[in-house]
Protein backbone atom coordinates (compact mmCIF):
# COMPACT_ATOMS: atom_id res chain seq x y z
CA MET A 1 -38.22 20.50 -2.88
CA ILE A 2 -41.36 19.61 -0.88
CA ALA A 3 -43.57 21.47 -3.36
CA THR A 4 -41.96 19.55 -6.21
CA LYS A 5 -42.72 16.25 -4.47
CA TYR A 6 -46.36 17.24 -4.02
CA LYS A 7 -46.69 18.28 -7.65
CA LEU A 8 -45.19 14.96 -8.66
CA SER A 9 -47.59 13.04 -6.43
CA THR A 10 -50.48 14.94 -7.98
CA LEU A 11 -49.35 14.02 -11.48
CA ILE A 12 -48.89 10.36 -10.49
CA ALA A 13 -52.32 10.23 -8.87
CA GLY A 14 -53.86 11.79 -11.96
CA ALA A 15 -52.08 9.33 -14.26
CA VAL A 16 -53.26 6.37 -12.18
CA VAL A 17 -56.85 7.63 -12.18
CA SER A 18 -56.74 8.39 -15.90
CA THR A 19 -55.38 4.92 -16.66
CA PHE A 20 -58.15 3.34 -14.60
CA CYS A 21 -60.81 5.46 -16.30
CA LEU A 22 -59.28 4.57 -19.66
CA ALA A 23 -59.81 0.91 -18.86
CA VAL A 24 -63.39 1.63 -17.79
CA GLU A 25 -64.15 3.53 -21.01
CA VAL A 26 -64.28 0.23 -22.82
CA THR A 27 -66.43 1.39 -25.73
CA TYR A 28 -63.42 3.17 -27.23
CA ALA A 29 -60.72 2.02 -29.68
CA HIS A 30 -58.22 2.59 -32.61
CA PRO A 31 -57.35 1.62 -36.39
CA GLY A 32 -54.55 -0.82 -37.62
CA HIS A 33 -52.80 -2.66 -40.52
CA SER A 34 -53.01 -6.29 -41.58
CA PRO A 35 -51.69 -8.55 -44.33
CA PHE A 36 -54.76 -10.78 -43.92
CA SER A 37 -58.06 -8.95 -43.35
CA PRO A 38 -60.68 -11.38 -44.68
CA HIS A 39 -63.63 -9.02 -44.25
CA ASP A 40 -61.84 -6.38 -46.33
CA ILE A 41 -62.69 -3.58 -43.93
CA THR A 42 -61.66 -0.23 -45.38
CA PRO A 43 -59.16 1.57 -43.12
CA LEU A 44 -61.07 4.25 -41.20
CA SER A 45 -58.01 6.23 -40.20
CA LYS A 46 -54.28 5.76 -39.96
CA THR A 47 -52.01 5.58 -36.94
CA ALA A 48 -48.39 4.56 -37.53
CA GLY A 49 -49.46 2.75 -40.70
CA GLN A 50 -51.96 0.50 -38.93
CA ASP A 51 -55.42 -0.46 -40.17
CA VAL A 52 -58.34 -2.27 -38.58
CA LEU A 53 -57.71 -6.02 -38.45
CA VAL A 54 -60.52 -8.60 -38.40
CA VAL A 55 -59.54 -12.28 -38.40
CA PRO A 56 -62.42 -14.79 -38.27
CA PRO A 57 -61.75 -18.37 -37.22
CA ASP A 58 -60.17 -20.54 -39.94
CA ALA A 59 -59.57 -17.47 -42.11
CA PRO A 60 -57.44 -18.21 -45.17
CA GLY A 61 -54.07 -16.53 -45.27
CA ARG A 62 -53.31 -16.60 -41.55
CA PRO A 63 -49.73 -17.82 -40.97
CA ILE A 64 -49.79 -21.15 -39.13
CA TYR A 65 -46.79 -23.25 -38.22
CA SER A 66 -46.10 -26.74 -36.97
CA VAL A 67 -43.96 -25.97 -33.90
CA PHE A 68 -42.27 -27.83 -31.08
CA THR A 69 -45.34 -27.69 -28.82
CA GLY A 70 -47.99 -28.36 -31.50
CA THR A 71 -49.23 -25.58 -33.80
CA SER A 72 -49.03 -21.79 -33.66
CA THR A 73 -51.55 -19.66 -35.55
CA PHE A 74 -50.69 -15.96 -35.89
CA LEU A 75 -53.68 -13.76 -35.04
CA ALA A 76 -51.64 -10.56 -34.77
CA THR A 77 -47.96 -9.78 -35.36
CA GLY A 78 -45.82 -6.74 -34.71
CA GLU A 79 -46.60 -5.56 -38.24
CA ASP A 80 -50.28 -5.46 -37.31
CA THR A 81 -49.91 -3.81 -33.90
CA GLY A 82 -47.10 -1.35 -34.51
CA GLY A 83 -44.76 -3.54 -32.45
CA GLN A 84 -46.87 -3.32 -29.30
CA PHE A 85 -47.69 -7.02 -28.96
CA SER A 86 -48.16 -10.31 -30.81
CA PHE A 87 -51.05 -12.73 -30.36
CA PHE A 88 -51.09 -16.48 -31.08
CA ASP A 89 -53.53 -19.37 -30.89
CA LEU A 90 -51.44 -22.35 -29.72
CA THR A 91 -52.24 -26.05 -29.60
CA VAL A 92 -50.25 -28.34 -27.30
CA ARG A 93 -49.60 -31.98 -28.09
CA PRO A 94 -51.14 -34.49 -25.61
CA ASN A 95 -49.30 -36.70 -23.15
CA GLY A 96 -46.75 -34.17 -21.93
CA GLY A 97 -46.48 -31.73 -24.83
CA GLY A 98 -45.08 -28.28 -24.11
CA PRO A 99 -41.80 -26.36 -23.85
CA PRO A 100 -39.10 -27.04 -21.24
CA PRO A 101 -38.74 -24.57 -18.33
CA HIS A 102 -37.41 -21.28 -19.69
CA THR A 103 -37.16 -17.51 -19.17
CA HIS A 104 -37.36 -14.35 -21.27
CA SER A 105 -35.17 -11.40 -20.26
CA ASN A 106 -37.02 -8.70 -22.19
CA LEU A 107 -40.36 -10.27 -22.99
CA ASP A 108 -43.58 -10.41 -20.95
CA GLU A 109 -46.10 -13.13 -21.75
CA ALA A 110 -49.77 -13.63 -20.99
CA PHE A 111 -51.87 -16.77 -21.43
CA TYR A 112 -55.59 -17.47 -21.52
CA THR A 113 -56.23 -21.21 -21.30
CA LEU A 114 -58.93 -22.85 -23.40
CA THR A 115 -58.28 -26.34 -21.97
CA GLU A 116 -56.87 -27.67 -18.71
CA LEU A 117 -53.07 -27.30 -18.59
CA GLN A 118 -50.24 -27.64 -16.11
CA PHE A 119 -48.03 -24.61 -15.47
CA LEU A 120 -44.67 -24.24 -13.77
CA LEU A 121 -44.46 -20.76 -12.21
CA GLY A 122 -41.04 -20.22 -10.68
CA ASN A 123 -40.64 -23.38 -8.63
CA GLU A 124 -44.34 -24.07 -8.13
CA THR A 125 -46.51 -26.34 -10.27
CA LYS A 126 -50.20 -25.55 -10.76
CA VAL A 127 -52.92 -27.28 -12.77
CA VAL A 128 -55.25 -24.63 -14.18
CA GLU A 129 -58.72 -25.06 -15.61
CA PRO A 130 -60.07 -23.62 -18.87
CA GLY A 131 -60.72 -19.90 -18.66
CA THR A 132 -57.68 -19.17 -16.48
CA PHE A 133 -55.60 -16.07 -17.16
CA LEU A 134 -51.86 -15.97 -16.38
CA TYR A 135 -49.37 -13.11 -16.65
CA ILE A 136 -45.68 -14.08 -16.84
CA PRO A 137 -43.33 -11.13 -16.16
CA LYS A 138 -39.96 -10.94 -17.87
CA GLY A 139 -37.17 -12.81 -16.14
CA ARG A 140 -39.45 -15.38 -14.44
CA ARG A 141 -39.05 -19.14 -14.95
CA HIS A 142 -42.12 -20.79 -16.44
CA GLN A 143 -43.43 -23.70 -18.49
CA PHE A 144 -46.75 -25.11 -19.65
CA LEU A 145 -47.52 -28.79 -20.21
CA ASN A 146 -50.47 -30.76 -21.51
CA THR A 147 -50.71 -33.93 -19.44
CA ALA A 148 -54.09 -34.90 -20.92
CA THR A 149 -54.64 -37.48 -23.64
CA THR A 150 -56.29 -34.90 -25.92
CA THR A 151 -54.83 -31.81 -27.59
CA GLY A 152 -54.48 -28.73 -25.37
CA ARG A 153 -55.07 -25.14 -26.42
CA LEU A 154 -54.27 -21.66 -25.14
CA LEU A 155 -54.12 -18.06 -26.34
CA THR A 156 -50.75 -16.33 -25.98
CA PHE A 157 -49.87 -12.62 -25.90
CA THR A 158 -46.26 -11.40 -25.96
CA PHE A 159 -45.17 -7.86 -25.08
CA PRO A 160 -43.53 -6.39 -27.10
CA SER A 161 -43.95 -8.15 -30.43
CA GLY A 162 -41.25 -10.16 -32.18
CA PHE A 163 -41.74 -13.67 -30.86
CA GLU A 164 -43.49 -14.57 -34.10
CA GLY A 165 -39.96 -14.69 -35.53
CA PHE A 166 -39.16 -17.65 -33.29
CA PHE A 167 -42.21 -19.62 -34.43
CA ALA A 168 -41.57 -18.79 -38.09
CA GLU A 169 -37.91 -19.85 -37.90
CA GLU A 170 -38.32 -22.87 -35.63
CA GLY A 171 -41.61 -24.07 -37.11
CA ARG A 172 -42.63 -25.45 -40.46
CA PRO A 173 -45.37 -23.70 -42.47
CA ILE A 174 -48.70 -25.54 -42.58
CA ILE A 175 -50.51 -25.46 -45.91
CA ASP A 176 -53.11 -28.13 -45.14
CA ILE A 177 -54.12 -28.13 -41.46
CA SER A 178 -55.46 -31.66 -41.84
CA ASN A 179 -51.99 -32.83 -42.84
CA PRO A 180 -49.39 -30.68 -41.02
CA PRO A 181 -45.67 -31.37 -41.41
CA PRO A 182 -44.06 -33.07 -38.40
CA PRO A 183 -42.64 -30.63 -35.83
CA ARG A 184 -39.07 -30.63 -34.61
CA THR A 185 -38.77 -32.81 -31.53
CA ASP A 186 -35.07 -32.45 -30.71
CA PHE A 187 -34.77 -29.34 -28.58
CA THR A 188 -31.03 -29.16 -29.18
CA GLU A 189 -31.93 -28.05 -32.72
CA ILE A 190 -34.27 -25.41 -31.39
CA ALA A 191 -32.10 -23.99 -28.58
CA PRO A 192 -29.91 -21.77 -30.85
CA ILE A 193 -33.04 -20.34 -32.49
CA ALA A 194 -34.68 -19.78 -29.09
CA ASP A 195 -31.59 -17.92 -27.93
CA LYS A 196 -32.00 -15.45 -30.83
CA TYR A 197 -35.49 -14.62 -29.56
CA ASP A 198 -34.78 -13.94 -25.90
CA THR A 199 -35.52 -17.48 -24.68
CA LYS A 200 -33.17 -19.29 -22.29
CA LEU A 201 -33.51 -22.76 -20.82
CA ALA A 202 -34.06 -22.72 -17.05
CA LEU A 203 -33.83 -26.37 -16.02
CA GLY A 204 -32.60 -25.61 -12.50
CA ALA A 205 -34.68 -24.15 -9.69
CA GLU A 206 -35.47 -20.43 -9.85
CA GLY A 207 -33.16 -18.41 -7.64
CA ASP A 208 -33.40 -14.91 -6.19
CA THR A 209 -36.24 -12.93 -7.82
CA THR A 210 -35.55 -9.59 -6.13
CA GLY A 211 -36.55 -6.79 -8.47
CA LEU A 212 -38.73 -9.03 -10.62
CA ARG A 213 -42.52 -8.82 -10.70
CA ASP A 214 -44.68 -11.63 -9.40
CA PHE A 215 -46.89 -13.89 -11.49
CA LEU A 216 -50.59 -13.12 -11.85
CA LEU A 217 -52.97 -16.08 -11.98
CA VAL A 218 -56.70 -15.42 -12.26
CA PRO A 219 -58.96 -18.50 -12.39
CA PRO A 220 -62.47 -18.25 -13.82
CA ASP A 221 -64.94 -16.67 -11.37
CA ALA A 222 -62.07 -15.42 -9.22
CA PRO A 223 -63.35 -13.41 -6.24
CA ASN A 224 -62.41 -9.79 -5.58
CA ARG A 225 -61.80 -8.82 -9.21
CA LEU A 226 -63.04 -5.42 -10.40
CA SER A 227 -66.42 -5.88 -12.07
CA PHE A 228 -69.01 -3.41 -13.35
CA ALA A 229 -72.04 -3.28 -15.64
CA LYS A 230 -72.22 -0.94 -18.62
CA ALA A 231 -74.51 -0.71 -21.65
CA GLY A 232 -76.07 -4.12 -21.06
CA SER A 233 -72.72 -5.84 -20.54
CA LEU A 234 -70.76 -7.07 -17.51
CA PHE A 235 -67.03 -6.25 -17.50
CA THR A 236 -64.77 -8.31 -15.22
CA SER A 237 -61.11 -7.39 -14.88
CA LEU A 238 -58.58 -10.16 -15.48
CA ALA A 239 -55.57 -7.84 -15.34
CA THR A 240 -54.94 -4.15 -14.73
CA GLU A 241 -52.09 -2.04 -16.09
CA GLU A 242 -50.71 -1.86 -12.57
CA GLU A 243 -50.60 -5.66 -12.36
CA THR A 244 -48.90 -5.97 -15.77
CA ASP A 245 -46.26 -3.29 -15.23
CA GLY A 246 -48.08 -0.90 -17.57
CA ASN A 247 -48.25 -3.36 -20.46
CA PHE A 248 -52.03 -3.75 -20.81
CA SER A 249 -55.37 -4.27 -19.12
CA LEU A 250 -57.64 -7.21 -19.89
CA PHE A 251 -61.38 -7.66 -19.35
CA ASP A 252 -63.78 -10.57 -19.73
CA VAL A 253 -66.88 -8.97 -21.25
CA ALA A 254 -70.24 -10.76 -20.99
CA LEU A 255 -72.82 -9.23 -23.36
CA THR A 256 -76.46 -9.85 -22.55
CA PRO A 257 -78.71 -10.98 -25.44
CA GLU A 258 -80.41 -8.50 -27.74
CA THR A 259 -78.76 -5.39 -26.36
CA GLY A 260 -79.74 -2.25 -28.23
CA SER A 261 -77.57 -0.05 -30.39
CA LEU A 262 -74.53 1.38 -28.62
CA GLU A 263 -73.19 4.88 -29.01
CA MET A 264 -70.14 5.08 -31.26
CA ASN A 265 -67.01 6.21 -29.45
CA VAL A 266 -63.41 6.93 -30.33
CA ASN A 267 -60.49 6.31 -27.97
CA SER A 268 -57.42 8.38 -28.76
CA ASP A 269 -55.17 6.94 -26.06
CA ALA A 270 -55.10 3.15 -26.36
CA THR A 271 -55.23 0.38 -28.90
CA GLN A 272 -57.80 -2.31 -28.18
CA ALA A 273 -58.22 -5.92 -29.26
CA PHE A 274 -61.05 -8.42 -28.89
CA TYR A 275 -61.16 -12.20 -28.98
CA VAL A 276 -64.67 -13.67 -29.11
CA LEU A 277 -65.04 -16.59 -26.68
CA ASP A 278 -68.75 -17.47 -26.88
CA GLY A 279 -71.77 -16.48 -28.94
CA ASP A 280 -71.85 -13.89 -31.70
CA VAL A 281 -70.61 -10.35 -31.13
CA THR A 282 -71.60 -7.65 -33.62
CA PHE A 283 -68.89 -5.05 -34.19
CA GLN A 284 -69.83 -1.74 -35.77
CA ILE A 285 -66.57 -0.20 -36.98
CA GLY A 286 -67.12 3.20 -38.51
CA ASP A 287 -69.98 2.73 -40.96
CA GLN A 288 -69.30 -0.99 -41.43
CA THR A 289 -70.64 -3.95 -39.47
CA THR A 290 -69.19 -7.43 -38.99
CA VAL A 291 -70.26 -10.34 -36.78
CA GLY A 292 -67.57 -12.08 -34.76
CA THR A 293 -68.21 -15.75 -34.07
CA PRO A 294 -66.21 -17.69 -31.43
CA GLY A 295 -62.52 -17.53 -32.33
CA THR A 296 -62.75 -14.18 -34.12
CA PHE A 297 -59.97 -11.67 -33.38
CA VAL A 298 -60.47 -7.92 -33.89
CA TYR A 299 -57.72 -5.32 -33.54
CA LEU A 300 -58.58 -1.62 -33.35
CA PRO A 301 -55.71 0.90 -33.24
CA GLN A 302 -56.00 4.48 -32.08
CA GLY A 303 -58.74 6.60 -33.57
CA THR A 304 -61.26 3.94 -34.64
CA PRO A 305 -64.94 4.76 -34.03
CA TYR A 306 -66.67 1.55 -32.95
CA ALA A 307 -69.38 -0.10 -30.88
CA LEU A 308 -70.14 -3.73 -30.05
CA GLN A 309 -73.31 -5.53 -29.09
CA ASN A 310 -75.01 -8.90 -28.81
CA ARG A 311 -77.91 -9.15 -31.25
CA GLY A 312 -78.46 -12.84 -30.55
CA THR A 313 -80.74 -14.60 -28.09
CA SER A 314 -78.03 -16.11 -25.87
CA GLN A 315 -75.16 -14.58 -23.94
CA ALA A 316 -71.93 -13.73 -25.77
CA ARG A 317 -68.46 -13.24 -24.29
CA THR A 318 -65.30 -11.60 -25.53
CA LEU A 319 -61.89 -10.78 -24.15
CA LEU A 320 -61.01 -7.08 -24.35
CA LEU A 321 -57.35 -6.07 -24.27
CA SER A 322 -56.50 -2.38 -23.93
CA LYS A 323 -52.95 -1.10 -24.30
CA THR A 324 -52.16 2.54 -23.65
CA ALA A 325 -50.22 3.93 -26.58
CA SER A 326 -48.73 6.93 -24.76
CA VAL A 327 -48.94 8.83 -21.48
CA PRO A 328 -52.68 8.62 -20.82
CA GLU A 329 -54.85 11.70 -20.84
CA PRO A 330 -58.15 11.76 -18.94
CA ALA A 331 -60.50 9.48 -20.87
CA SER A 332 -63.77 10.96 -19.69
CA THR A 333 -65.46 13.72 -17.73
CA VAL A 334 -65.38 11.43 -14.70
CA SER A 335 -61.60 11.06 -14.86
CA LEU A 336 -61.21 14.83 -15.26
CA LEU A 337 -63.33 15.34 -12.16
CA ILE A 338 -61.37 12.80 -10.12
CA LEU A 339 -58.10 14.23 -11.40
CA GLY A 340 -59.17 17.66 -10.15
CA VAL A 341 -60.18 16.24 -6.79
CA CYS A 342 -56.82 14.49 -6.41
CA GLY A 343 -55.00 17.73 -7.21
CA THR A 344 -57.13 19.77 -4.81
CA VAL A 345 -56.63 17.32 -1.94
CA SER A 346 -52.88 17.24 -2.52
CA ILE A 347 -52.65 21.08 -2.56
CA LEU A 348 -54.73 21.39 0.63
CA LYS A 349 -52.49 18.86 2.40
CA HIS A 350 -49.43 20.79 1.28
CA LYS A 351 -50.85 24.07 2.61
CA GLN A 352 -51.72 22.42 5.91
CA LYS A 353 -48.16 21.20 6.32
CA GLN A 354 -46.80 24.66 5.48
CA GLN A 355 -49.05 26.24 8.14
CA THR A 356 -47.98 23.62 10.65
């Protein structure tokens, strides 16, 4: 029984180390599928029917809806990501626009704010500045509001996918973004649709949260976040897989100007996605190259050889989301070494206890 426990602890330690090393090996990725791939990138390989997806800003063919909060532009749906997650670019109407307090029983959300917004997290209200990352675990009461006099904006991830169905059913398709149809404003019309997509009103105070995960709020330049330099870039962790209950890890990647060519890599354990925040980021995907300007979204499923660099003269920044597709294997020689060390230490401790 004791030996079994020690073997289990060794496996857990190895999995944790491998997951961490997987997040560090950020020059890896995968291929995917998309109904709107404006750069017409040829699929490099196939994983669960997915192909590489590249969506530049204002790309034609992206689904966009006039919704209760403002507009919702689909950057990635479950069809694109094999059901792993969905990704939206949301605008929020000024002067109090936003959803009422609500919960999701089986859905985790994450937000990256592009403007100042007010959030309700449980029973606490916080005003967050642009560049803030928030993770909302399933079951937790939350809300975002735009109290400014100008339109608000934020990026939204949902895990797993499927919430695009709510926007498509509740919203009204936008053909001309300069003349969008009016959104629904009576939430009593929306409530039955919301209920179909795991969304419940939570107007009262949040009660007992035993067994539920806590919120994660990371403001820009937050202290004590994991940060490291690699290949002319600075990677700063906004969320780890441990903090998101195994859903994903997220990095803010600052690429220094005129970095040289990067070695092509292939990651066989996690899908990865990028959202360019500032500057121009050059993506080499297989034998093809595309330049991502601010607002460009790139999705790379398992098995995609790729590299990224900043060929400009000013700093560029991109978000990097990594989602482990299966039980992680060691992602590098370093993780194999650490895995072996963890196992050796555990075995030695076990032998010491036996001798005692």
